[in-house]
Amino acid sequence: MSITINIYYTGEKVGDAAAFAEEMEQSGIADRVRAEEGNLRYEYYLPLGDRNTVLLIDSWKDQAALDLHHASPMMRKIAALREKYDLHMRVERYVGDDRETNDGRFIRE
């Protein structure tokens, strides 16, 4: 059962959250998270209506993979960057049921 976590990082100053995401990408930390066993997705997005926030969509194969990630040294690096930019977080968690659906008829590819 896959797990997707949406993390909204918000800074006090305009641009801090975007600078955090940029440093995560340029430093290679984001790529190292993507390479962790069980990671399905790790992508940053900038909401058009909120210049103080960055959205991270973070998906994992299962809870065990997410637990390993949370216990990894990578989390200390991420926390240090979060502190550097003084970011606060809002989190949404979604659990996939991996069932077949008929949603494809509504999706234009």
N, C-alpha and C. Protein backbone atom coordinates (compact mmCIF):
# COMPACT_ATOMS: atom_id res chain seq x y z
N MET A 1 0.86 -1.17 0.00
CA MET A 1 0.00 0.00 0.00
C MET A 1 0.90 1.23 0.00
N SER A 2 0.87 2.01 -1.07
CA SER A 2 1.74 3.18 -1.18
C SER A 2 1.26 4.32 -0.28
N ILE A 3 2.21 5.18 0.06
CA ILE A 3 1.93 6.33 0.92
C ILE A 3 2.44 7.59 0.21
N THR A 4 1.60 8.59 0.12
CA THR A 4 2.00 9.89 -0.44
C THR A 4 1.82 10.94 0.63
N ILE A 5 2.84 11.75 0.79
CA ILE A 5 2.82 12.82 1.78
C ILE A 5 3.04 14.14 1.05
N ASN A 6 2.12 15.05 1.22
CA ASN A 6 2.28 16.41 0.71
C ASN A 6 2.78 17.26 1.87
N ILE A 7 3.94 17.85 1.69
CA ILE A 7 4.51 18.71 2.72
C ILE A 7 4.58 20.13 2.17
N TYR A 8 3.90 21.04 2.84
CA TYR A 8 3.93 22.45 2.47
C TYR A 8 4.95 23.14 3.37
N TYR A 9 6.07 23.57 2.79
CA TYR A 9 7.10 24.31 3.52
C TYR A 9 6.81 25.80 3.32
N THR A 10 6.67 26.53 4.42
CA THR A 10 6.38 27.96 4.34
C THR A 10 7.40 28.74 5.13
N GLY A 11 7.92 29.80 4.52
CA GLY A 11 8.89 30.67 5.17
C GLY A 11 8.28 32.00 5.54
N GLU A 12 8.93 32.69 6.45
CA GLU A 12 8.47 34.02 6.85
C GLU A 12 8.76 35.05 5.76
N LYS A 13 9.89 34.86 5.08
CA LYS A 13 10.28 35.81 4.03
C LYS A 13 10.01 35.20 2.66
N VAL A 14 9.57 36.04 1.73
CA VAL A 14 9.32 35.60 0.36
C VAL A 14 10.61 35.05 -0.22
N GLY A 15 10.53 33.88 -0.79
CA GLY A 15 11.68 33.27 -1.45
C GLY A 15 12.43 32.26 -0.61
N ASP A 16 12.23 32.24 0.70
CA ASP A 16 12.96 31.31 1.55
C ASP A 16 12.62 29.85 1.23
N ALA A 17 11.35 29.56 1.05
CA ALA A 17 10.95 28.18 0.77
C ALA A 17 11.48 27.73 -0.59
N ALA A 18 11.42 28.61 -1.57
CA ALA A 18 11.96 28.28 -2.90
C ALA A 18 13.47 28.08 -2.83
N ALA A 19 14.15 28.90 -2.04
CA ALA A 19 15.61 28.76 -1.88
C ALA A 19 15.94 27.42 -1.22
N PHE A 20 15.13 26.99 -0.26
CA PHE A 20 15.30 25.69 0.38
C PHE A 20 15.21 24.57 -0.66
N ALA A 21 14.15 24.60 -1.48
CA ALA A 21 13.95 23.56 -2.50
C ALA A 21 15.10 23.57 -3.50
N GLU A 22 15.53 24.75 -3.88
CA GLU A 22 16.65 24.87 -4.83
C GLU A 22 17.93 24.27 -4.23
N GLU A 23 18.18 24.54 -2.96
CA GLU A 23 19.37 23.98 -2.32
C GLU A 23 19.25 22.46 -2.17
N MET A 24 18.05 21.97 -1.90
CA MET A 24 17.84 20.52 -1.83
C MET A 24 18.21 19.87 -3.16
N GLU A 25 17.82 20.50 -4.26
CA GLU A 25 18.11 19.97 -5.59
C GLU A 25 19.59 20.11 -5.94
N GLN A 26 20.14 21.31 -5.77
CA GLN A 26 21.52 21.56 -6.18
C GLN A 26 22.55 20.83 -5.34
N SER A 27 22.24 20.60 -4.07
CA SER A 27 23.18 19.91 -3.19
C SER A 27 23.20 18.40 -3.42
N GLY A 28 22.20 17.89 -4.14
CA GLY A 28 22.11 16.46 -4.38
C GLY A 28 21.31 15.70 -3.34
N ILE A 29 20.86 16.39 -2.30
CA ILE A 29 20.09 15.71 -1.25
C ILE A 29 18.81 15.13 -1.84
N ALA A 30 18.10 15.89 -2.66
CA ALA A 30 16.85 15.40 -3.25
C ALA A 30 17.10 14.15 -4.09
N ASP A 31 18.17 14.15 -4.86
CA ASP A 31 18.48 12.96 -5.68
C ASP A 31 18.81 11.76 -4.81
N ARG A 32 19.49 11.99 -3.68
CA ARG A 32 19.80 10.87 -2.79
C ARG A 32 18.52 10.30 -2.16
N VAL A 33 17.56 11.18 -1.84
CA VAL A 33 16.28 10.68 -1.32
C VAL A 33 15.58 9.86 -2.40
N ARG A 34 15.58 10.37 -3.64
CA ARG A 34 14.94 9.64 -4.74
C ARG A 34 15.55 8.26 -4.95
N ALA A 35 16.83 8.12 -4.63
CA ALA A 35 17.54 6.85 -4.82
C ALA A 35 17.32 5.87 -3.66
N GLU A 36 16.69 6.32 -2.59
CA GLU A 36 16.47 5.43 -1.44
C GLU A 36 15.49 4.32 -1.83
N GLU A 37 15.73 3.15 -1.26
CA GLU A 37 14.86 2.00 -1.50
C GLU A 37 13.42 2.34 -1.11
N GLY A 38 12.50 2.12 -2.05
CA GLY A 38 11.09 2.33 -1.76
C GLY A 38 10.56 3.71 -2.10
N ASN A 39 11.43 4.66 -2.50
CA ASN A 39 10.93 5.98 -2.87
C ASN A 39 10.32 5.90 -4.27
N LEU A 40 9.10 6.42 -4.39
CA LEU A 40 8.40 6.42 -5.67
C LEU A 40 8.37 7.79 -6.32
N ARG A 41 8.45 8.84 -5.50
CA ARG A 41 8.36 10.21 -6.03
C ARG A 41 8.87 11.18 -4.98
N TYR A 42 9.60 12.19 -5.44
CA TYR A 42 10.10 13.23 -4.55
C TYR A 42 10.26 14.48 -5.40
N GLU A 43 9.23 15.34 -5.43
CA GLU A 43 9.22 16.48 -6.33
C GLU A 43 8.70 17.73 -5.63
N TYR A 44 9.36 18.85 -5.93
CA TYR A 44 8.96 20.15 -5.39
C TYR A 44 8.15 20.93 -6.41
N TYR A 45 7.15 21.68 -5.91
CA TYR A 45 6.31 22.52 -6.75
C TYR A 45 6.12 23.87 -6.07
N LEU A 46 5.95 24.91 -6.88
CA LEU A 46 5.72 26.26 -6.38
C LEU A 46 4.26 26.63 -6.61
N PRO A 47 3.46 26.81 -5.55
CA PRO A 47 2.07 27.24 -5.72
C PRO A 47 2.02 28.66 -6.32
N LEU A 48 1.23 28.85 -7.34
CA LEU A 48 1.17 30.15 -8.02
C LEU A 48 0.64 31.26 -7.12
N GLY A 49 -0.24 30.92 -6.20
CA GLY A 49 -0.86 31.95 -5.37
C GLY A 49 -0.18 32.21 -4.04
N ASP A 50 0.95 31.56 -3.77
CA ASP A 50 1.61 31.71 -2.46
C ASP A 50 3.12 31.68 -2.65
N ARG A 51 3.74 32.82 -2.71
CA ARG A 51 5.18 32.92 -2.98
C ARG A 51 6.03 32.58 -1.76
N ASN A 52 5.41 32.31 -0.63
CA ASN A 52 6.14 31.95 0.59
C ASN A 52 6.19 30.44 0.82
N THR A 53 5.56 29.67 -0.06
CA THR A 53 5.40 28.24 0.16
C THR A 53 5.93 27.42 -1.00
N VAL A 54 6.45 26.24 -0.67
CA VAL A 54 6.84 25.22 -1.65
C VAL A 54 6.13 23.94 -1.23
N LEU A 55 5.61 23.20 -2.21
CA LEU A 55 4.96 21.92 -1.96
C LEU A 55 5.91 20.79 -2.35
N LEU A 56 6.12 19.85 -1.45
CA LEU A 56 6.86 18.63 -1.75
C LEU A 56 5.86 17.48 -1.82
N ILE A 57 5.85 16.77 -2.94
CA ILE A 57 5.06 15.54 -3.06
C ILE A 57 6.05 14.40 -2.91
N ASP A 58 5.87 13.61 -1.86
CA ASP A 58 6.81 12.59 -1.43
C ASP A 58 6.06 11.27 -1.32
N SER A 59 6.38 10.29 -2.18
CA SER A 59 5.66 9.01 -2.18
C SER A 59 6.60 7.85 -1.91
N TRP A 60 6.08 6.88 -1.17
CA TRP A 60 6.86 5.71 -0.76
C TRP A 60 6.07 4.45 -1.01
N LYS A 61 6.80 3.36 -1.25
CA LYS A 61 6.20 2.06 -1.53
C LYS A 61 5.30 1.61 -0.39
N ASP A 62 5.77 1.81 0.86
CA ASP A 62 5.01 1.37 2.02
C ASP A 62 5.56 2.06 3.27
N GLN A 63 4.94 1.78 4.41
CA GLN A 63 5.35 2.41 5.66
C GLN A 63 6.77 2.02 6.06
N ALA A 64 7.16 0.79 5.78
CA ALA A 64 8.52 0.35 6.13
C ALA A 64 9.57 1.18 5.40
N ALA A 65 9.35 1.46 4.13
CA ALA A 65 10.30 2.28 3.36
C ALA A 65 10.34 3.70 3.91
N LEU A 66 9.19 4.23 4.27
CA LEU A 66 9.13 5.58 4.85
C LEU A 66 9.84 5.62 6.21
N ASP A 67 9.64 4.59 7.01
CA ASP A 67 10.31 4.52 8.31
C ASP A 67 11.83 4.50 8.16
N LEU A 68 12.34 3.73 7.18
CA LEU A 68 13.78 3.70 6.92
C LEU A 68 14.29 5.09 6.52
N HIS A 69 13.52 5.76 5.68
CA HIS A 69 13.90 7.13 5.28
C HIS A 69 13.96 8.05 6.50
N HIS A 70 12.95 7.99 7.35
CA HIS A 70 12.91 8.85 8.54
C HIS A 70 14.07 8.55 9.50
N ALA A 71 14.57 7.34 9.49
CA ALA A 71 15.67 6.96 10.37
C ALA A 71 17.05 7.21 9.74
N SER A 72 17.06 7.63 8.49
CA SER A 72 18.33 7.79 7.77
C SER A 72 19.04 9.09 8.14
N PRO A 73 20.36 9.14 7.93
CA PRO A 73 21.12 10.39 8.16
C PRO A 73 20.63 11.53 7.26
N MET A 74 19.96 11.19 6.17
CA MET A 74 19.44 12.21 5.25
C MET A 74 18.45 13.14 5.97
N MET A 75 17.70 12.60 6.91
CA MET A 75 16.71 13.42 7.62
C MET A 75 17.38 14.53 8.42
N ARG A 76 18.56 14.28 8.97
CA ARG A 76 19.27 15.33 9.71
C ARG A 76 19.69 16.47 8.76
N LYS A 77 20.10 16.10 7.55
CA LYS A 77 20.49 17.11 6.57
C LYS A 77 19.28 17.95 6.14
N ILE A 78 18.17 17.28 5.93
CA ILE A 78 16.95 17.99 5.54
C ILE A 78 16.50 18.92 6.67
N ALA A 79 16.54 18.43 7.91
CA ALA A 79 16.14 19.25 9.06
C ALA A 79 17.06 20.46 9.22
N ALA A 80 18.34 20.28 8.97
CA ALA A 80 19.28 21.41 9.07
C ALA A 80 18.97 22.47 8.03
N LEU A 81 18.65 22.06 6.82
CA LEU A 81 18.28 23.03 5.78
C LEU A 81 16.97 23.72 6.12
N ARG A 82 16.04 22.95 6.65
CA ARG A 82 14.74 23.53 7.06
C ARG A 82 14.97 24.61 8.11
N GLU A 83 15.86 24.35 9.05
CA GLU A 83 16.19 25.35 10.08
C GLU A 83 16.91 26.56 9.48
N LYS A 84 17.82 26.30 8.56
CA LYS A 84 18.56 27.38 7.91
C LYS A 84 17.61 28.41 7.31
N TYR A 85 16.54 27.94 6.68
CA TYR A 85 15.57 28.83 6.03
C TYR A 85 14.37 29.14 6.93
N ASP A 86 14.38 28.66 8.17
CA ASP A 86 13.32 28.92 9.14
C ASP A 86 11.94 28.60 8.57
N LEU A 87 11.80 27.38 8.09
CA LEU A 87 10.56 26.95 7.45
C LEU A 87 9.66 26.22 8.43
N HIS A 88 8.36 26.40 8.24
CA HIS A 88 7.34 25.68 9.00
C HIS A 88 6.64 24.75 8.03
N MET A 89 6.02 23.70 8.56
CA MET A 89 5.46 22.67 7.71
C MET A 89 3.99 22.41 8.02
N ARG A 90 3.26 22.11 6.96
CA ARG A 90 1.91 21.56 7.06
C ARG A 90 1.93 20.28 6.25
N VAL A 91 1.37 19.20 6.80
CA VAL A 91 1.51 17.88 6.18
C VAL A 91 0.14 17.26 5.93
N GLU A 92 0.00 16.67 4.75
CA GLU A 92 -1.17 15.87 4.40
C GLU A 92 -0.66 14.48 4.03
N ARG A 93 -1.33 13.45 4.49
CA ARG A 93 -0.89 12.07 4.23
C ARG A 93 -2.02 11.31 3.54
N TYR A 94 -1.66 10.60 2.46
CA TYR A 94 -2.62 9.82 1.69
C TYR A 94 -2.11 8.40 1.54
N VAL A 95 -2.99 7.43 1.72
CA VAL A 95 -2.63 6.03 1.57
C VAL A 95 -3.37 5.49 0.35
N GLY A 96 -2.61 4.94 -0.60
CA GLY A 96 -3.21 4.38 -1.80
C GLY A 96 -3.81 3.02 -1.54
N ASP A 97 -4.91 2.75 -2.20
CA ASP A 97 -5.52 1.43 -2.01
C ASP A 97 -5.17 0.49 -3.16
N ASP A 98 -4.49 0.99 -4.19
CA ASP A 98 -3.96 0.18 -5.29
C ASP A 98 -5.03 -0.65 -6.01
N ARG A 99 -6.28 -0.21 -5.95
CA ARG A 99 -7.34 -0.92 -6.67
C ARG A 99 -7.51 -0.35 -8.07
N GLU A 100 -8.00 -1.16 -8.98
CA GLU A 100 -8.33 -0.71 -10.33
C GLU A 100 -9.53 0.24 -10.24
N THR A 101 -9.51 1.29 -11.05
CA THR A 101 -10.64 2.22 -11.09
C THR A 101 -11.01 2.49 -12.55
N ASN A 102 -12.09 3.20 -12.74
CA ASN A 102 -12.51 3.63 -14.08
C ASN A 102 -12.14 5.08 -14.34
N ASP A 103 -11.22 5.63 -13.55
CA ASP A 103 -10.86 7.03 -13.67
C ASP A 103 -10.20 7.37 -15.00
N GLY A 104 -9.64 6.38 -15.67
CA GLY A 104 -8.93 6.62 -16.92
C GLY A 104 -9.78 7.29 -17.98
N ARG A 105 -11.06 7.09 -17.96
CA ARG A 105 -11.92 7.70 -18.97
C ARG A 105 -12.02 9.22 -18.80
N PHE A 106 -11.60 9.75 -17.65
CA PHE A 106 -11.63 11.19 -17.41
C PHE A 106 -10.28 11.85 -17.63
N ILE A 107 -9.26 11.05 -17.91
CA ILE A 107 -7.90 11.58 -18.00
C ILE A 107 -7.49 11.66 -19.45
N ARG A 108 -7.05 12.83 -19.85
CA ARG A 108 -6.54 13.03 -21.21
C ARG A 108 -5.03 12.98 -21.16
N GLU A 109 -4.46 12.04 -21.86
CA GLU A 109 -3.00 11.91 -21.88
C GLU A 109 -2.43 12.51 -23.13
